[in-house]
Amino acid sequence: DWQYRPNYNNSYDGPDKSVAKGWNYHQGPEWLWPLGFHFRAKIYFATDKDTTIRRVNQYLARHELHIENSHWMGLPELFNENGSECPDSCPTQAWSIGCLIELLHDIHQHQNSKAKHQ
């Protein structure tokens, strides 16, 4: 995407109109909430759910660490390029954490279902 600008800086008011005044809000920063849906689909369609869940949990460890170190005990709305902090992002957002809670619920259900069949 030629319009992709990965770093959101709402306070920038320079001559680059593609990012000035936060213009790239929907054209660049990494939104967190779709991650829950992505991983839920990955698990749902996985042929080896246990391995997929293990990999998802490894990935989510970074988010757990962020929650532990956040003054808000939450996850932000968005990140800048490659997961770097975005100072102009809302520091904690309900749908960011809500979508990951749904993912964790799916994982829990799979593990409970597996335990019942053993």
PDB file of N, CA and C in Angstrom:
ATOM      1  N   ASP A   1       0.845  -1.175   0.000  1.00  0.00           N
ATOM      2  CA  ASP A   1       0.000   0.000   0.000  1.00  0.00           C
ATOM      3  C   ASP A   1       0.892   1.242   0.000  1.00  0.00           C
ATOM      4  N   TRP A   2       0.845   2.013  -1.026  1.00  0.00           N
ATOM      5  CA  TRP A   2       1.697   3.197  -1.146  1.00  0.00           C
ATOM      6  C   TRP A   2       1.338   4.281  -0.131  1.00  0.00           C
ATOM      7  N   GLN A   3       0.154   4.203   0.475  1.00  0.00           N
ATOM      8  CA  GLN A   3      -0.240   5.196   1.470  1.00  0.00           C
ATOM      9  C   GLN A   3       0.080   4.765   2.898  1.00  0.00           C
ATOM     10  N   TYR A   4       0.616   3.568   3.056  1.00  0.00           N
ATOM     11  CA  TYR A   4       0.922   3.052   4.394  1.00  0.00           C
ATOM     12  C   TYR A   4       1.997   3.898   5.059  1.00  0.00           C
ATOM     13  N   ARG A   5       1.676   4.420   6.238  1.00  0.00           N
ATOM     14  CA  ARG A   5       2.609   5.202   7.045  1.00  0.00           C
ATOM     15  C   ARG A   5       2.544   4.635   8.454  1.00  0.00           C
ATOM     16  N   PRO A   6       3.537   3.838   8.869  1.00  0.00           N
ATOM     17  CA  PRO A   6       3.426   3.015  10.066  1.00  0.00           C
ATOM     18  C   PRO A   6       3.478   3.727  11.417  1.00  0.00           C
ATOM     19  N   ASN A   7       3.869   4.978  11.454  1.00  0.00           N
ATOM     20  CA  ASN A   7       4.010   5.648  12.746  1.00  0.00           C
ATOM     21  C   ASN A   7       3.014   6.805  12.866  1.00  0.00           C
ATOM     22  N   TYR A   8       2.190   6.706  13.893  1.00  0.00           N
ATOM     23  CA  TYR A   8       1.136   7.684  14.136  1.00  0.00           C
ATOM     24  C   TYR A   8       1.636   8.722  15.130  1.00  0.00           C
ATOM     25  N   ASN A   9       1.576   9.984  14.733  1.00  0.00           N
ATOM     26  CA  ASN A   9       1.973  11.084  15.599  1.00  0.00           C
ATOM     27  C   ASN A   9       0.944  12.191  15.411  1.00  0.00           C
ATOM     28  N   ASN A  10      -0.048  12.216  16.257  1.00  0.00           N
ATOM     29  CA  ASN A  10      -1.159  13.149  16.117  1.00  0.00           C
ATOM     30  C   ASN A  10      -0.727  14.604  16.265  1.00  0.00           C
ATOM     31  N   SER A  11       0.374  14.870  16.959  1.00  0.00           N
ATOM     32  CA  SER A  11       0.783  16.256  17.182  1.00  0.00           C
ATOM     33  C   SER A  11       1.621  16.826  16.029  1.00  0.00           C
ATOM     34  N   TYR A  12       2.028  15.986  15.091  1.00  0.00           N
ATOM     35  CA  TYR A  12       2.801  16.477  13.946  1.00  0.00           C
ATOM     36  C   TYR A  12       1.907  17.347  13.058  1.00  0.00           C
ATOM     37  N   ASP A  13       2.402  18.530  12.724  1.00  0.00           N
ATOM     38  CA  ASP A  13       1.632  19.450  11.888  1.00  0.00           C
ATOM     39  C   ASP A  13       2.511  20.013  10.778  1.00  0.00           C
ATOM     40  N   GLY A  14       3.396  19.172  10.245  1.00  0.00           N
ATOM     41  CA  GLY A  14       4.326  19.612   9.208  1.00  0.00           C
ATOM     42  C   GLY A  14       3.729  19.539   7.812  1.00  0.00           C
ATOM     43  N   PRO A  15       4.588  19.673   6.822  1.00  0.00           N
ATOM     44  CA  PRO A  15       4.130  19.740   5.427  1.00  0.00           C
ATOM     45  C   PRO A  15       3.696  18.399   4.822  1.00  0.00           C
ATOM     46  N   ASP A  16       4.039  17.280   5.452  1.00  0.00           N
ATOM     47  CA  ASP A  16       3.654  15.973   4.901  1.00  0.00           C
ATOM     48  C   ASP A  16       2.191  15.700   5.246  1.00  0.00           C
ATOM     49  N   LYS A  17       1.318  15.972   4.293  1.00  0.00           N
ATOM     50  CA  LYS A  17      -0.131  15.866   4.532  1.00  0.00           C
ATOM     51  C   LYS A  17      -0.593  14.435   4.804  1.00  0.00           C
ATOM     52  N   SER A  18       0.208  13.444   4.422  1.00  0.00           N
ATOM     53  CA  SER A  18      -0.219  12.056   4.636  1.00  0.00           C
ATOM     54  C   SER A  18      -0.145  11.649   6.107  1.00  0.00           C
ATOM     55  N   VAL A  19       0.564  12.423   6.918  1.00  0.00           N
ATOM     56  CA  VAL A  19       0.647  12.113   8.350  1.00  0.00           C
ATOM     57  C   VAL A  19       0.285  13.308   9.240  1.00  0.00           C
ATOM     58  N   ALA A  20       0.202  14.496   8.686  1.00  0.00           N
ATOM     59  CA  ALA A  20      -0.079  15.692   9.491  1.00  0.00           C
ATOM     60  C   ALA A  20      -1.421  15.569  10.199  1.00  0.00           C
ATOM     61  N   LYS A  21      -1.421  16.018  11.449  1.00  0.00           N
ATOM     62  CA  LYS A  21      -2.626  16.021  12.299  1.00  0.00           C
ATOM     63  C   LYS A  21      -3.265  14.643  12.412  1.00  0.00           C
ATOM     64  N   GLY A  22      -2.430  13.614  12.405  1.00  0.00           N
ATOM     65  CA  GLY A  22      -2.929  12.254  12.580  1.00  0.00           C
ATOM     66  C   GLY A  22      -3.647  11.679  11.385  1.00  0.00           C
ATOM     67  N   TRP A  23      -3.398  12.220  10.207  1.00  0.00           N
ATOM     68  CA  TRP A  23      -4.118  11.777   9.009  1.00  0.00           C
ATOM     69  C   TRP A  23      -3.962  10.274   8.770  1.00  0.00           C
ATOM     70  N   ASN A  24      -2.849   9.686   9.177  1.00  0.00           N
ATOM     71  CA  ASN A  24      -2.603   8.262   8.910  1.00  0.00           C
ATOM     72  C   ASN A  24      -3.168   7.338   9.997  1.00  0.00           C
ATOM     73  N   TYR A  25      -4.066   7.822  10.795  1.00  0.00           N
ATOM     74  CA  TYR A  25      -4.664   7.015  11.874  1.00  0.00           C
ATOM     75  C   TYR A  25      -5.168   5.670  11.364  1.00  0.00           C
ATOM     76  N   HIS A  26      -5.782   5.647  10.185  1.00  0.00           N
ATOM     77  CA  HIS A  26      -6.278   4.399   9.605  1.00  0.00           C
ATOM     78  C   HIS A  26      -5.368   3.882   8.488  1.00  0.00           C
ATOM     79  N   GLN A  27      -4.223   4.479   8.305  1.00  0.00           N
ATOM     80  CA  GLN A  27      -3.326   4.107   7.221  1.00  0.00           C
ATOM     81  C   GLN A  27      -1.961   3.672   7.737  1.00  0.00           C
ATOM     82  N   GLY A  28      -1.841   3.239   8.958  1.00  0.00           N
ATOM     83  CA  GLY A  28      -0.501   2.908   9.381  1.00  0.00           C
ATOM     84  C   GLY A  28      -0.328   2.222  10.709  1.00  0.00           C
ATOM     85  N   PRO A  29      -0.723   2.836  11.806  1.00  0.00           N
ATOM     86  CA  PRO A  29      -0.395   2.203  13.080  1.00  0.00           C
ATOM     87  C   PRO A  29      -1.030   0.811  13.184  1.00  0.00           C
ATOM     88  N   GLU A  30      -0.414  -0.004  13.992  1.00  0.00           N
ATOM     89  CA  GLU A  30      -0.859  -1.394  14.156  1.00  0.00           C
ATOM     90  C   GLU A  30      -1.953  -1.461  15.216  1.00  0.00           C
ATOM     91  N   TRP A  31      -3.142  -1.807  14.785  1.00  0.00           N
ATOM     92  CA  TRP A  31      -4.282  -1.950  15.685  1.00  0.00           C
ATOM     93  C   TRP A  31      -4.190  -3.295  16.389  1.00  0.00           C
ATOM     94  N   LEU A  32      -4.478  -3.318  17.661  1.00  0.00           N
ATOM     95  CA  LEU A  32      -4.347  -4.543  18.435  1.00  0.00           C
ATOM     96  C   LEU A  32      -5.579  -5.439  18.354  1.00  0.00           C
ATOM     97  N   TRP A  33      -6.772  -4.873  18.313  1.00  0.00           N
ATOM     98  CA  TRP A  33      -7.984  -5.689  18.433  1.00  0.00           C
ATOM     99  C   TRP A  33      -8.127  -6.763  17.361  1.00  0.00           C
ATOM    100  N   PRO A  34      -7.671  -6.594  16.104  1.00  0.00           N
ATOM    101  CA  PRO A  34      -7.844  -7.680  15.131  1.00  0.00           C
ATOM    102  C   PRO A  34      -7.035  -8.938  15.472  1.00  0.00           C
ATOM    103  N   LEU A  35      -6.035  -8.782  16.319  1.00  0.00           N
ATOM    104  CA  LEU A  35      -5.194  -9.917  16.683  1.00  0.00           C
ATOM    105  C   LEU A  35      -6.011 -11.052  17.300  1.00  0.00           C
ATOM    106  N   GLY A  36      -6.973 -10.720  18.147  1.00  0.00           N
ATOM    107  CA  GLY A  36      -7.818 -11.744  18.760  1.00  0.00           C
ATOM    108  C   GLY A  36      -8.566 -12.550  17.718  1.00  0.00           C
ATOM    109  N   PHE A  37      -9.155 -11.870  16.745  1.00  0.00           N
ATOM    110  CA  PHE A  37      -9.882 -12.560  15.680  1.00  0.00           C
ATOM    111  C   PHE A  37      -8.942 -13.402  14.822  1.00  0.00           C
ATOM    112  N   HIS A  38      -7.764 -12.862  14.541  1.00  0.00           N
ATOM    113  CA  HIS A  38      -6.776 -13.596  13.739  1.00  0.00           C
ATOM    114  C   HIS A  38      -6.403 -14.920  14.417  1.00  0.00           C
ATOM    115  N   PHE A  39      -6.073 -14.851  15.684  1.00  0.00           N
ATOM    116  CA  PHE A  39      -5.664 -16.071  16.393  1.00  0.00           C
ATOM    117  C   PHE A  39      -6.828 -17.022  16.632  1.00  0.00           C
ATOM    118  N   ARG A  40      -8.014 -16.486  16.842  1.00  0.00           N
ATOM    119  CA  ARG A  40      -9.174 -17.368  16.999  1.00  0.00           C
ATOM    120  C   ARG A  40      -9.402 -18.166  15.720  1.00  0.00           C
ATOM    121  N   ALA A  41      -9.290 -17.517  14.580  1.00  0.00           N
ATOM    122  CA  ALA A  41      -9.444 -18.218  13.292  1.00  0.00           C
ATOM    123  C   ALA A  41      -8.317 -19.219  13.092  1.00  0.00           C
ATOM    124  N   LYS A  42      -7.118 -18.836  13.455  1.00  0.00           N
ATOM    125  CA  LYS A  42      -5.960 -19.729  13.311  1.00  0.00           C
ATOM    126  C   LYS A  42      -6.174 -21.015  14.113  1.00  0.00           C
ATOM    127  N   ILE A  43      -6.660 -20.881  15.329  1.00  0.00           N
ATOM    128  CA  ILE A  43      -6.931 -22.061  16.164  1.00  0.00           C
ATOM    129  C   ILE A  43      -8.097 -22.863  15.602  1.00  0.00           C
ATOM    130  N   TYR A  44      -9.150 -22.189  15.206  1.00  0.00           N
ATOM    131  CA  TYR A  44     -10.346 -22.859  14.698  1.00  0.00           C
ATOM    132  C   TYR A  44     -10.026 -23.755  13.500  1.00  0.00           C
ATOM    133  N   PHE A  45      -9.186 -23.258  12.587  1.00  0.00           N
ATOM    134  CA  PHE A  45      -8.883 -24.000  11.368  1.00  0.00           C
ATOM    135  C   PHE A  45      -7.613 -24.855  11.465  1.00  0.00           C
ATOM    136  N   ALA A  46      -6.949 -24.853  12.597  1.00  0.00           N
ATOM    137  CA  ALA A  46      -5.696 -25.600  12.749  1.00  0.00           C
ATOM    138  C   ALA A  46      -5.949 -27.104  12.739  1.00  0.00           C
ATOM    139  N   THR A  47      -5.061 -27.826  12.090  1.00  0.00           N
ATOM    140  CA  THR A  47      -5.140 -29.286  12.136  1.00  0.00           C
ATOM    141  C   THR A  47      -4.505 -29.802  13.422  1.00  0.00           C
ATOM    142  N   ASP A  48      -3.532 -29.078  13.942  1.00  0.00           N
ATOM    143  CA  ASP A  48      -2.898 -29.424  15.209  1.00  0.00           C
ATOM    144  C   ASP A  48      -3.150 -28.268  16.180  1.00  0.00           C
ATOM    145  N   LYS A  49      -4.302 -28.322  16.833  1.00  0.00           N
ATOM    146  CA  LYS A  49      -4.720 -27.228  17.709  1.00  0.00           C
ATOM    147  C   LYS A  49      -3.765 -27.017  18.886  1.00  0.00           C
ATOM    148  N   ASP A  50      -3.228 -28.102  19.446  1.00  0.00           N
ATOM    149  CA  ASP A  50      -2.345 -27.962  20.607  1.00  0.00           C
ATOM    150  C   ASP A  50      -1.076 -27.181  20.265  1.00  0.00           C
ATOM    151  N   THR A  51      -0.473 -27.492  19.129  1.00  0.00           N
ATOM    152  CA  THR A  51       0.728 -26.762  18.704  1.00  0.00           C
ATOM    153  C   THR A  51       0.386 -25.314  18.406  1.00  0.00           C
ATOM    154  N   THR A  52      -0.741 -25.085  17.752  1.00  0.00           N
ATOM    155  CA  THR A  52      -1.159 -23.724  17.424  1.00  0.00           C
ATOM    156  C   THR A  52      -1.412 -22.930  18.701  1.00  0.00           C
ATOM    157  N   ILE A  53      -2.084 -23.530  19.655  1.00  0.00           N
ATOM    158  CA  ILE A  53      -2.349 -22.854  20.935  1.00  0.00           C
ATOM    159  C   ILE A  53      -1.043 -22.546  21.657  1.00  0.00           C
ATOM    160  N   ARG A  54      -0.114 -23.455  21.630  1.00  0.00           N
ATOM    161  CA  ARG A  54       1.187 -23.225  22.273  1.00  0.00           C
ATOM    162  C   ARG A  54       1.877 -22.012  21.636  1.00  0.00           C
ATOM    163  N   ARG A  55       1.842 -21.924  20.301  1.00  0.00           N
ATOM    164  CA  ARG A  55       2.460 -20.787  19.599  1.00  0.00           C
ATOM    165  C   ARG A  55       1.727 -19.476  19.899  1.00  0.00           C
ATOM    166  N   VAL A  56       0.417 -19.532  19.939  1.00  0.00           N
ATOM    167  CA  VAL A  56      -0.367 -18.336  20.264  1.00  0.00           C
ATOM    168  C   VAL A  56      -0.020 -17.864  21.674  1.00  0.00           C
ATOM    169  N   ASN A  57       0.053 -18.777  22.620  1.00  0.00           N
ATOM    170  CA  ASN A  57       0.395 -18.407  23.993  1.00  0.00           C
ATOM    171  C   ASN A  57       1.790 -17.795  24.083  1.00  0.00           C
ATOM    172  N   GLN A  58       2.729 -18.308  23.300  1.00  0.00           N
ATOM    173  CA  GLN A  58       4.074 -17.725  23.276  1.00  0.00           C
ATOM    174  C   GLN A  58       4.017 -16.287  22.772  1.00  0.00           C
ATOM    175  N   TYR A  59       3.224 -16.062  21.732  1.00  0.00           N
ATOM    176  CA  TYR A  59       3.084 -14.717  21.186  1.00  0.00           C
ATOM    177  C   TYR A  59       2.424 -13.784  22.201  1.00  0.00           C
ATOM    178  N   LEU A  60       1.416 -14.284  22.893  1.00  0.00           N
ATOM    179  CA  LEU A  60       0.670 -13.455  23.850  1.00  0.00           C
ATOM    180  C   LEU A  60       1.482 -13.120  25.095  1.00  0.00           C
ATOM    181  N   ALA A  61       2.587 -13.786  25.308  1.00  0.00           N
ATOM    182  CA  ALA A  61       3.423 -13.494  26.483  1.00  0.00           C
ATOM    183  C   ALA A  61       3.865 -12.029  26.478  1.00  0.00           C
ATOM    184  N   ARG A  62       4.109 -11.473  25.298  1.00  0.00           N
ATOM    185  CA  ARG A  62       4.492 -10.049  25.208  1.00  0.00           C
ATOM    186  C   ARG A  62       3.364  -9.152  25.699  1.00  0.00           C
ATOM    187  N   HIS A  63       2.133  -9.546  25.387  1.00  0.00           N
ATOM    188  CA  HIS A  63       0.987  -8.745  25.806  1.00  0.00           C
ATOM    189  C   HIS A  63       0.776  -8.853  27.316  1.00  0.00           C
ATOM    190  N   GLU A  64       1.000 -10.037  27.845  1.00  0.00           N
ATOM    191  CA  GLU A  64       0.906 -10.215  29.299  1.00  0.00           C
ATOM    192  C   GLU A  64       1.927  -9.331  30.005  1.00  0.00           C
ATOM    193  N   LEU A  65       3.133  -9.287  29.479  1.00  0.00           N
ATOM    194  CA  LEU A  65       4.180  -8.443  30.053  1.00  0.00           C
ATOM    195  C   LEU A  65       3.777  -6.972  29.986  1.00  0.00           C
ATOM    196  N   HIS A  66       3.183  -6.574  28.878  1.00  0.00           N
ATOM    197  CA  HIS A  66       2.729  -5.186  28.749  1.00  0.00           C
ATOM    198  C   HIS A  66       1.672  -4.864  29.809  1.00  0.00           C
ATOM    199  N   ILE A  67       0.720  -5.769  30.005  1.00  0.00           N
ATOM    200  CA  ILE A  67      -0.328  -5.559  31.014  1.00  0.00           C
ATOM    201  C   ILE A  67       0.290  -5.428  32.401  1.00  0.00           C
ATOM    202  N   GLU A  68       1.247  -6.291  32.708  1.00  0.00           N
ATOM    203  CA  GLU A  68       1.888  -6.254  34.023  1.00  0.00           C
ATOM    204  C   GLU A  68       2.627  -4.945  34.274  1.00  0.00           C
ATOM    205  N   ASN A  69       3.147  -4.326  33.219  1.00  0.00           N
ATOM    206  CA  ASN A  69       3.927  -3.097  33.368  1.00  0.00           C
ATOM    207  C   ASN A  69       3.137  -1.830  33.079  1.00  0.00           C
ATOM    208  N   SER A  70       1.883  -1.967  32.725  1.00  0.00           N
ATOM    209  CA  SER A  70       1.047  -0.819  32.399  1.00  0.00           C
ATOM    210  C   SER A  70       0.423  -0.235  33.660  1.00  0.00           C
ATOM    211  N   HIS A  71       0.443   1.080  33.762  1.00  0.00           N
ATOM    212  CA  HIS A  71      -0.233   1.738  34.891  1.00  0.00           C
ATOM    213  C   HIS A  71      -1.727   1.475  34.844  1.00  0.00           C
ATOM    214  N   TRP A  72      -2.234   1.214  33.662  1.00  0.00           N
ATOM    215  CA  TRP A  72      -3.657   0.990  33.467  1.00  0.00           C
ATOM    216  C   TRP A  72      -4.036  -0.491  33.567  1.00  0.00           C
ATOM    217  N   MET A  73      -3.028  -1.379  33.620  1.00  0.00           N
ATOM    218  CA  MET A  73      -3.272  -2.831  33.633  1.00  0.00           C
ATOM    219  C   MET A  73      -4.106  -3.243  32.417  1.00  0.00           C
ATOM    220  N   GLY A  74      -3.777  -2.675  31.277  1.00  0.00           N
ATOM    221  CA  GLY A  74      -4.522  -2.967  30.056  1.00  0.00           C
ATOM    222  C   GLY A  74      -3.623  -2.944  28.838  1.00  0.00           C
ATOM    223  N   LEU A  75      -4.248  -3.010  27.691  1.00  0.00           N
ATOM    224  CA  LEU A  75      -3.542  -2.970  26.416  1.00  0.00           C
ATOM    225  C   LEU A  75      -3.987  -1.743  25.636  1.00  0.00           C
ATOM    226  N   PRO A  76      -3.069  -1.134  24.901  1.00  0.00           N
ATOM    227  CA  PRO A  76      -3.417   0.093  24.183  1.00  0.00           C
ATOM    228  C   PRO A  76      -4.263  -0.158  22.948  1.00  0.00           C
ATOM    229  N   GLU A  77      -4.744   0.924  22.411  1.00  0.00           N
ATOM    230  CA  GLU A  77      -5.531   0.904  21.184  1.00  0.00           C
ATOM    231  C   GLU A  77      -4.679   0.465  20.000  1.00  0.00           C
ATOM    232  N   LEU A  78      -3.487   1.026  19.890  1.00  0.00           N
ATOM    233  CA  LEU A  78      -2.625   0.725  18.751  1.00  0.00           C
ATOM    234  C   LEU A  78      -1.157   0.901  19.101  1.00  0.00           C
ATOM    235  N   PHE A  79      -0.329   0.361  18.228  1.00  0.00           N
ATOM    236  CA  PHE A  79       1.124   0.479  18.339  1.00  0.00           C
ATOM    237  C   PHE A  79       1.651   1.112  17.066  1.00  0.00           C
ATOM    238  N   ASN A  80       2.854   1.642  17.130  1.00  0.00           N
ATOM    239  CA  ASN A  80       3.519   2.103  15.926  1.00  0.00           C
ATOM    240  C   ASN A  80       4.255   0.937  15.277  1.00  0.00           C
ATOM    241  N   GLU A  81       5.062   1.235  14.299  1.00  0.00           N
ATOM    242  CA  GLU A  81       5.767   0.236  13.501  1.00  0.00           C
ATOM    243  C   GLU A  81       6.467  -0.823  14.357  1.00  0.00           C
ATOM    244  N   ASN A  82       6.276  -2.079  13.992  1.00  0.00           N
ATOM    245  CA  ASN A  82       6.909  -3.236  14.652  1.00  0.00           C
ATOM    246  C   ASN A  82       6.615  -3.319  16.147  1.00  0.00           C
ATOM    247  N   GLY A  83       5.447  -2.873  16.548  1.00  0.00           N
ATOM    248  CA  GLY A  83       5.039  -3.005  17.945  1.00  0.00           C
ATOM    249  C   GLY A  83       5.626  -1.979  18.888  1.00  0.00           C
ATOM    250  N   SER A  84       6.243  -0.931  18.350  1.00  0.00           N
ATOM    251  CA  SER A  84       6.800   0.086  19.242  1.00  0.00           C
ATOM    252  C   SER A  84       5.664   0.935  19.831  1.00  0.00           C
ATOM    253  N   GLU A  85       5.939   1.521  20.973  1.00  0.00           N
ATOM    254  CA  GLU A  85       4.916   2.306  21.675  1.00  0.00           C
ATOM    255  C   GLU A  85       4.433   3.472  20.814  1.00  0.00           C
ATOM    256  N   CYS A  86       3.156   3.738  20.900  1.00  0.00           N
ATOM    257  CA  CYS A  86       2.551   4.867  20.201  1.00  0.00           C
ATOM    258  C   CYS A  86       2.046   5.850  21.260  1.00  0.00           C
ATOM    259  N   PRO A  87       2.794   6.925  21.512  1.00  0.00           N
ATOM    260  CA  PRO A  87       2.413   7.861  22.576  1.00  0.00           C
ATOM    261  C   PRO A  87       1.041   8.492  22.398  1.00  0.00           C
ATOM    262  N   ASP A  88       0.558   8.599  21.158  1.00  0.00           N
ATOM    263  CA  ASP A  88      -0.740   9.225  20.920  1.00  0.00           C
ATOM    264  C   ASP A  88      -1.900   8.236  20.942  1.00  0.00           C
ATOM    265  N   SER A  89      -1.623   6.993  21.268  1.00  0.00           N
ATOM    266  CA  SER A  89      -2.661   5.974  21.364  1.00  0.00           C
ATOM    267  C   SER A  89      -3.324   6.038  22.735  1.00  0.00           C
ATOM    268  N   CYS A  90      -4.566   5.641  22.786  1.00  0.00           N
ATOM    269  CA  CYS A  90      -5.239   5.490  24.073  1.00  0.00           C
ATOM    270  C   CYS A  90      -4.480   4.410  24.849  1.00  0.00           C
ATOM    271  N   PRO A  91      -4.088   4.652  26.100  1.00  0.00           N
ATOM    272  CA  PRO A  91      -3.240   3.695  26.819  1.00  0.00           C
ATOM    273  C   PRO A  91      -3.916   2.367  27.163  1.00  0.00           C
ATOM    274  N   THR A  92      -5.220   2.356  27.221  1.00  0.00           N
ATOM    275  CA  THR A  92      -5.927   1.092  27.435  1.00  0.00           C
ATOM    276  C   THR A  92      -7.272   1.178  26.719  1.00  0.00           C
ATOM    277  N   GLN A  93      -7.597   0.107  26.020  1.00  0.00           N
ATOM    278  CA  GLN A  93      -8.803   0.139  25.204  1.00  0.00           C
ATOM    279  C   GLN A  93      -9.581  -1.153  25.403  1.00  0.00           C
ATOM    280  N   ALA A  94     -10.870  -1.019  25.623  1.00  0.00           N
ATOM    281  CA  ALA A  94     -11.713  -2.176  25.930  1.00  0.00           C
ATOM    282  C   ALA A  94     -11.694  -3.215  24.825  1.00  0.00           C
ATOM    283  N   TRP A  95     -11.782  -2.801  23.563  1.00  0.00           N
ATOM    284  CA  TRP A  95     -11.856  -3.816  22.514  1.00  0.00           C
ATOM    285  C   TRP A  95     -10.517  -4.492  22.285  1.00  0.00           C
ATOM    286  N   SER A  96      -9.413  -3.838  22.623  1.00  0.00           N
ATOM    287  CA  SER A  96      -8.109  -4.494  22.508  1.00  0.00           C
ATOM    288  C   SER A  96      -8.035  -5.687  23.452  1.00  0.00           C
ATOM    289  N   ILE A  97      -8.392  -5.459  24.693  1.00  0.00           N
ATOM    290  CA  ILE A  97      -8.326  -6.539  25.670  1.00  0.00           C
ATOM    291  C   ILE A  97      -9.508  -7.486  25.519  1.00  0.00           C
ATOM    292  N   GLY A  98     -10.674  -6.961  25.146  1.00  0.00           N
ATOM    293  CA  GLY A  98     -11.862  -7.800  24.991  1.00  0.00           C
ATOM    294  C   GLY A  98     -11.683  -8.881  23.939  1.00  0.00           C
ATOM    295  N   CYS A  99     -11.081  -8.521  22.813  1.00  0.00           N
ATOM    296  CA  CYS A  99     -10.863  -9.510  21.747  1.00  0.00           C
ATOM    297  C   CYS A  99      -9.874 -10.585  22.171  1.00  0.00           C
ATOM    298  N   LEU A 100      -8.909 -10.217  22.999  1.00  0.00           N
ATOM    299  CA  LEU A 100      -7.969 -11.222  23.499  1.00  0.00           C
ATOM    300  C   LEU A 100      -8.610 -12.087  24.585  1.00  0.00           C
ATOM    301  N   ILE A 101      -9.538 -11.525  25.348  1.00  0.00           N
ATOM    302  CA  ILE A 101     -10.274 -12.329  26.335  1.00  0.00           C
ATOM    303  C   ILE A 101     -11.099 -13.398  25.623  1.00  0.00           C
ATOM    304  N   GLU A 102     -11.738 -13.030  24.507  1.00  0.00           N
ATOM    305  CA  GLU A 102     -12.482 -14.026  23.726  1.00  0.00           C
ATOM    306  C   GLU A 102     -11.551 -15.136  23.232  1.00  0.00           C
ATOM    307  N   LEU A 103     -10.361 -14.770  22.791  1.00  0.00           N
ATOM    308  CA  LEU A 103      -9.364 -15.747  22.359  1.00  0.00           C
ATOM    309  C   LEU A 103      -8.995 -16.674  23.506  1.00  0.00           C
ATOM    310  N   LEU A 104      -8.722 -16.114  24.671  1.00  0.00           N
ATOM    311  CA  LEU A 104      -8.364 -16.936  25.839  1.00  0.00           C
ATOM    312  C   LEU A 104      -9.521 -17.845  26.244  1.00  0.00           C
ATOM    313  N   HIS A 105     -10.736 -17.363  26.080  1.00  0.00           N
ATOM    314  CA  HIS A 105     -11.913 -18.187  26.356  1.00  0.00           C
ATOM    315  C   HIS A 105     -11.948 -19.398  25.420  1.00  0.00           C
ATOM    316  N   ASP A 106     -11.692 -19.163  24.130  1.00  0.00           N
ATOM    317  CA  ASP A 106     -11.653 -20.270  23.164  1.00  0.00           C
ATOM    318  C   ASP A 106     -10.582 -21.293  23.534  1.00  0.00           C
ATOM    319  N   ILE A 107      -9.417 -20.799  23.928  1.00  0.00           N
ATOM    320  CA  ILE A 107      -8.322 -21.698  24.327  1.00  0.00           C
ATOM    321  C   ILE A 107      -8.747 -22.516  25.534  1.00  0.00           C
ATOM    322  N   HIS A 108      -9.352 -21.850  26.508  1.00  0.00           N
ATOM    323  CA  HIS A 108      -9.811 -22.538  27.717  1.00  0.00           C
ATOM    324  C   HIS A 108     -10.846 -23.612  27.379  1.00  0.00           C
ATOM    325  N   GLN A 109     -11.780 -23.289  26.497  1.00  0.00           N
ATOM    326  CA  GLN A 109     -12.793 -24.272  26.097  1.00  0.00           C
ATOM    327  C   GLN A 109     -12.154 -25.484  25.421  1.00  0.00           C
ATOM    328  N   HIS A 110     -11.184 -25.242  24.562  1.00  0.00           N
ATOM    329  CA  HIS A 110     -10.502 -26.351  23.885  1.00  0.00           C
ATOM    330  C   HIS A 110      -9.801 -27.246  24.909  1.00  0.00           C
ATOM    331  N   GLN A 111      -9.127 -26.632  25.862  1.00  0.00           N
ATOM    332  CA  GLN A 111      -8.400 -27.414  26.864  1.00  0.00           C
ATOM    333  C   GLN A 111      -9.355 -28.183  27.768  1.00  0.00           C
ATOM    334  N   ASN A 112     -10.484 -27.578  28.122  1.00  0.00           N
ATOM    335  CA  ASN A 112     -11.497 -28.299  28.929  1.00  0.00           C
ATOM    336  C   ASN A 112     -12.112 -29.458  28.156  1.00  0.00           C
ATOM    337  N   SER A 113     -12.405 -29.237  26.890  1.00  0.00           N
ATOM    338  CA  SER A 113     -12.964 -30.275  26.050  1.00  0.00           C
ATOM    339  C   SER A 113     -11.990 -31.435  25.898  1.00  0.00           C
ATOM    340  N   LYS A 114     -10.739 -31.117  25.732  1.00  0.00           N
ATOM    341  CA  LYS A 114      -9.704 -32.150  25.599  1.00  0.00           C
ATOM    342  C   LYS A 114      -9.580 -32.954  26.893  1.00  0.00           C
ATOM    343  N   ALA A 115      -9.626 -32.271  28.028  1.00  0.00           N
ATOM    344  CA  ALA A 115      -9.508 -32.942  29.324  1.00  0.00           C
ATOM    345  C   ALA A 115     -10.682 -33.891  29.569  1.00  0.00           C
ATOM    346  N   LYS A 116     -11.871 -33.533  29.128  1.00  0.00           N
ATOM    347  CA  LYS A 116     -13.045 -34.376  29.310  1.00  0.00           C
ATOM    348  C   LYS A 116     -12.950 -35.660  28.513  1.00  0.00           C
ATOM    349  N   HIS A 117     -12.254 -35.624  27.382  1.00  0.00           N
ATOM    350  CA  HIS A 117     -12.151 -36.788  26.513  1.00  0.00           C
ATOM    351  C   HIS A 117     -10.952 -37.677  26.826  1.00  0.00           C
ATOM    352  N   GLN A 118     -10.215 -37.331  27.849  1.00  0.00           N
ATOM    353  CA  GLN A 118      -9.034 -38.162  28.211  1.00  0.00           C
ATOM    354  C   GLN A 118      -9.375 -39.150  29.281  1.00  0.00           C
TER     355      GLN A 118
END
